[in-house]
């Protein structure tokens, strides 16, 4: 959440690249209003939930698959109980916002 504060001076040229392993559903939604995000699943499986223009849709990704969040798409992720997932996130992070699920 501090990413925005720490990199504000990067402007649109700033990218956040992160590797995240999770074993529980995300507790919040996230949106990147100023850029695209690509997520690559490197291990496990997860259900991606996107909200675009108020409509929610979902898809399951597994190791070796990827998905795309367009600018302004709220998104969150779930893993099955007892499961886990590791993903690589490449995000235009400027202006990232979060909201509770």
C-alpha atoms as a PDB file:
ATOM      1  CA  UNK A   1       0.000   0.000   0.000  1.00  0.00           C
ATOM      2  CA  UNK A   2       2.980   2.321   0.473  1.00  0.00           C
ATOM      3  CA  UNK A   3       3.999   1.793  -3.145  1.00  0.00           C
ATOM      4  CA  UNK A   4       2.082   4.862  -4.322  1.00  0.00           C
ATOM      5  CA  UNK A   5       3.745   7.125  -1.783  1.00  0.00           C
ATOM      6  CA  UNK A   6       7.208   5.720  -2.368  1.00  0.00           C
ATOM      7  CA  UNK A   7       7.130   5.970  -6.166  1.00  0.00           C
ATOM      8  CA  UNK A   8       4.881   8.972  -6.880  1.00  0.00           C
ATOM      9  CA  UNK A   9       7.722  10.810  -8.616  1.00  0.00           C
ATOM     10  CA  UNK A  10       8.049   7.965 -11.187  1.00  0.00           C
ATOM     11  CA  UNK A  11       4.816   9.050 -12.871  1.00  0.00           C
ATOM     12  CA  UNK A  12       3.498   6.820 -15.647  1.00  0.00           C
ATOM     13  CA  UNK A  13       6.958   5.315 -16.230  1.00  0.00           C
ATOM     14  CA  UNK A  14       6.954   3.493 -12.879  1.00  0.00           C
ATOM     15  CA  UNK A  15       6.255  -0.246 -12.789  1.00  0.00           C
ATOM     16  CA  UNK A  16       5.757  -2.490  -9.794  1.00  0.00           C
ATOM     17  CA  UNK A  17       7.039  -6.026 -10.325  1.00  0.00           C
ATOM     18  CA  UNK A  18       6.285  -8.388  -7.455  1.00  0.00           C
ATOM     19  CA  UNK A  19       6.195 -12.086  -6.601  1.00  0.00           C
ATOM     20  CA  UNK A  20       3.435 -13.050  -4.181  1.00  0.00           C
ATOM     21  CA  UNK A  21       2.575 -16.391  -2.579  1.00  0.00           C
ATOM     22  CA  UNK A  22      -0.820 -16.683  -0.928  1.00  0.00           C
ATOM     23  CA  UNK A  23      -2.757 -19.413   0.871  1.00  0.00           C
ATOM     24  CA  UNK A  24      -5.989 -17.531   1.632  1.00  0.00           C
ATOM     25  CA  UNK A  25      -8.402 -15.327  -0.300  1.00  0.00           C
ATOM     26  CA  UNK A  26      -7.319 -11.706  -0.625  1.00  0.00           C
ATOM     27  CA  UNK A  27      -9.009  -9.557   2.045  1.00  0.00           C
ATOM     28  CA  UNK A  28      -9.464  -6.629  -0.339  1.00  0.00           C
ATOM     29  CA  UNK A  29     -10.075  -5.490  -3.901  1.00  0.00           C
ATOM     30  CA  UNK A  30      -7.418  -3.595  -5.874  1.00  0.00           C
ATOM     31  CA  UNK A  31      -7.509  -1.298  -8.912  1.00  0.00           C
ATOM     32  CA  UNK A  32      -4.818   0.323 -11.053  1.00  0.00           C
ATOM     33  CA  UNK A  33      -6.556   3.297 -12.683  1.00  0.00           C
ATOM     34  CA  UNK A  34      -3.602   4.522 -14.761  1.00  0.00           C
ATOM     35  CA  UNK A  35      -2.239   1.382 -16.380  1.00  0.00           C
ATOM     36  CA  UNK A  36      -2.371  -2.260 -17.246  1.00  0.00           C
ATOM     37  CA  UNK A  37      -1.475  -5.262 -15.091  1.00  0.00           C
ATOM     38  CA  UNK A  38      -0.313  -8.692 -16.224  1.00  0.00           C
ATOM     39  CA  UNK A  39      -0.374 -11.571 -13.729  1.00  0.00           C
ATOM     40  CA  UNK A  40       1.401 -14.882 -14.386  1.00  0.00           C
ATOM     41  CA  UNK A  41       0.611 -17.912 -12.221  1.00  0.00           C
ATOM     42  CA  UNK A  42       3.904 -19.664 -11.481  1.00  0.00           C
ATOM     43  CA  UNK A  43       2.550 -22.304  -9.092  1.00  0.00           C
ATOM     44  CA  UNK A  44      -0.823 -23.564  -7.854  1.00  0.00           C
ATOM     45  CA  UNK A  45      -4.277 -22.347  -8.873  1.00  0.00           C
ATOM     46  CA  UNK A  46      -6.430 -19.328  -8.062  1.00  0.00           C
ATOM     47  CA  UNK A  47      -9.787 -17.847  -8.962  1.00  0.00           C
ATOM     48  CA  UNK A  48      -9.504 -14.318 -10.298  1.00  0.00           C
ATOM     49  CA  UNK A  49     -12.507 -12.039  -9.821  1.00  0.00           C
ATOM     50  CA  UNK A  50     -12.702  -8.851 -11.876  1.00  0.00           C
ATOM     51  CA  UNK A  51     -15.216  -6.036 -11.659  1.00  0.00           C
ATOM     52  CA  UNK A  52     -15.428  -3.887 -14.775  1.00  0.00           C
ATOM     53  CA  UNK A  53     -18.109  -1.196 -15.107  1.00  0.00           C
ATOM     54  CA  UNK A  54     -19.967  -2.744 -12.150  1.00  0.00           C
ATOM     55  CA  UNK A  55     -20.143  -6.258 -13.642  1.00  0.00           C
ATOM     56  CA  UNK A  56     -18.212  -9.090 -11.989  1.00  0.00           C
ATOM     57  CA  UNK A  57     -16.681 -12.026 -13.824  1.00  0.00           C
ATOM     58  CA  UNK A  58     -14.238 -14.721 -12.847  1.00  0.00           C
ATOM     59  CA  UNK A  59     -11.785 -17.228 -14.194  1.00  0.00           C
ATOM     60  CA  UNK A  60      -9.497 -19.887 -12.786  1.00  0.00           C
ATOM     61  CA  UNK A  61      -5.795 -19.724 -13.563  1.00  0.00           C
ATOM     62  CA  UNK A  62      -3.206 -22.447 -13.012  1.00  0.00           C
ATOM     63  CA  UNK A  63       0.556 -22.786 -13.276  1.00  0.00           C
ATOM     64  CA  UNK A  64       1.801 -21.401 -16.589  1.00  0.00           C
ATOM     65  CA  UNK A  65      -1.341 -19.345 -17.300  1.00  0.00           C
ATOM     66  CA  UNK A  66      -1.785 -15.603 -17.115  1.00  0.00           C
ATOM     67  CA  UNK A  67      -4.480 -12.948 -17.063  1.00  0.00           C
ATOM     68  CA  UNK A  68      -4.755  -9.250 -17.727  1.00  0.00           C
ATOM     69  CA  UNK A  69      -6.355  -6.462 -15.705  1.00  0.00           C
ATOM     70  CA  UNK A  70      -7.129  -3.426 -17.863  1.00  0.00           C
ATOM     71  CA  UNK A  71      -6.870   0.053 -16.323  1.00  0.00           C
ATOM     72  CA  UNK A  72      -9.753   0.651 -13.927  1.00  0.00           C
ATOM     73  CA  UNK A  73     -10.650  -3.021 -13.406  1.00  0.00           C
ATOM     74  CA  UNK A  74     -11.185  -3.833  -9.748  1.00  0.00           C
ATOM     75  CA  UNK A  75      -9.824  -7.313  -8.994  1.00  0.00           C
ATOM     76  CA  UNK A  76      -9.246  -9.807  -6.203  1.00  0.00           C
ATOM     77  CA  UNK A  77      -8.139 -13.439  -5.961  1.00  0.00           C
ATOM     78  CA  UNK A  78      -9.187 -16.575  -4.071  1.00  0.00           C
ATOM     79  CA  UNK A  79      -7.460 -19.905  -3.504  1.00  0.00           C
ATOM     80  CA  UNK A  80      -9.279 -23.082  -2.590  1.00  0.00           C
ATOM     81  CA  UNK A  81      -9.262 -23.934   1.101  1.00  0.00           C
ATOM     82  CA  UNK A  82      -5.990 -25.666   1.876  1.00  0.00           C
ATOM     83  CA  UNK A  83      -4.488 -24.631  -1.470  1.00  0.00           C
ATOM     84  CA  UNK A  84      -1.913 -22.055  -2.422  1.00  0.00           C
ATOM     85  CA  UNK A  85      -0.854 -19.961  -5.382  1.00  0.00           C
ATOM     86  CA  UNK A  86       2.237 -18.020  -6.393  1.00  0.00           C
ATOM     87  CA  UNK A  87       1.986 -15.271  -8.993  1.00  0.00           C
ATOM     88  CA  UNK A  88       4.227 -12.753 -10.699  1.00  0.00           C
ATOM     89  CA  UNK A  89       2.577  -9.317 -10.943  1.00  0.00           C
ATOM     90  CA  UNK A  90       3.685  -6.645 -13.435  1.00  0.00           C
ATOM     91  CA  UNK A  91       1.722  -3.520 -12.662  1.00  0.00           C
ATOM     92  CA  UNK A  92       1.571   0.113 -13.676  1.00  0.00           C
ATOM     93  CA  UNK A  93       1.222   0.989 -10.033  1.00  0.00           C
ATOM     94  CA  UNK A  94       0.612   4.758 -10.030  1.00  0.00           C
ATOM     95  CA  UNK A  95      -2.644   5.560  -8.280  1.00  0.00           C
ATOM     96  CA  UNK A  96      -3.318   2.009  -7.066  1.00  0.00           C
ATOM     97  CA  UNK A  97      -6.340   1.885  -4.751  1.00  0.00           C
ATOM     98  CA  UNK A  98      -7.733  -0.757  -2.409  1.00  0.00           C
ATOM     99  CA  UNK A  99     -11.167  -1.370  -0.888  1.00  0.00           C
ATOM    100  CA  UNK A 100     -12.455  -3.981   1.563  1.00  0.00           C
ATOM    101  CA  UNK A 101     -14.197  -7.062   0.207  1.00  0.00           C
END
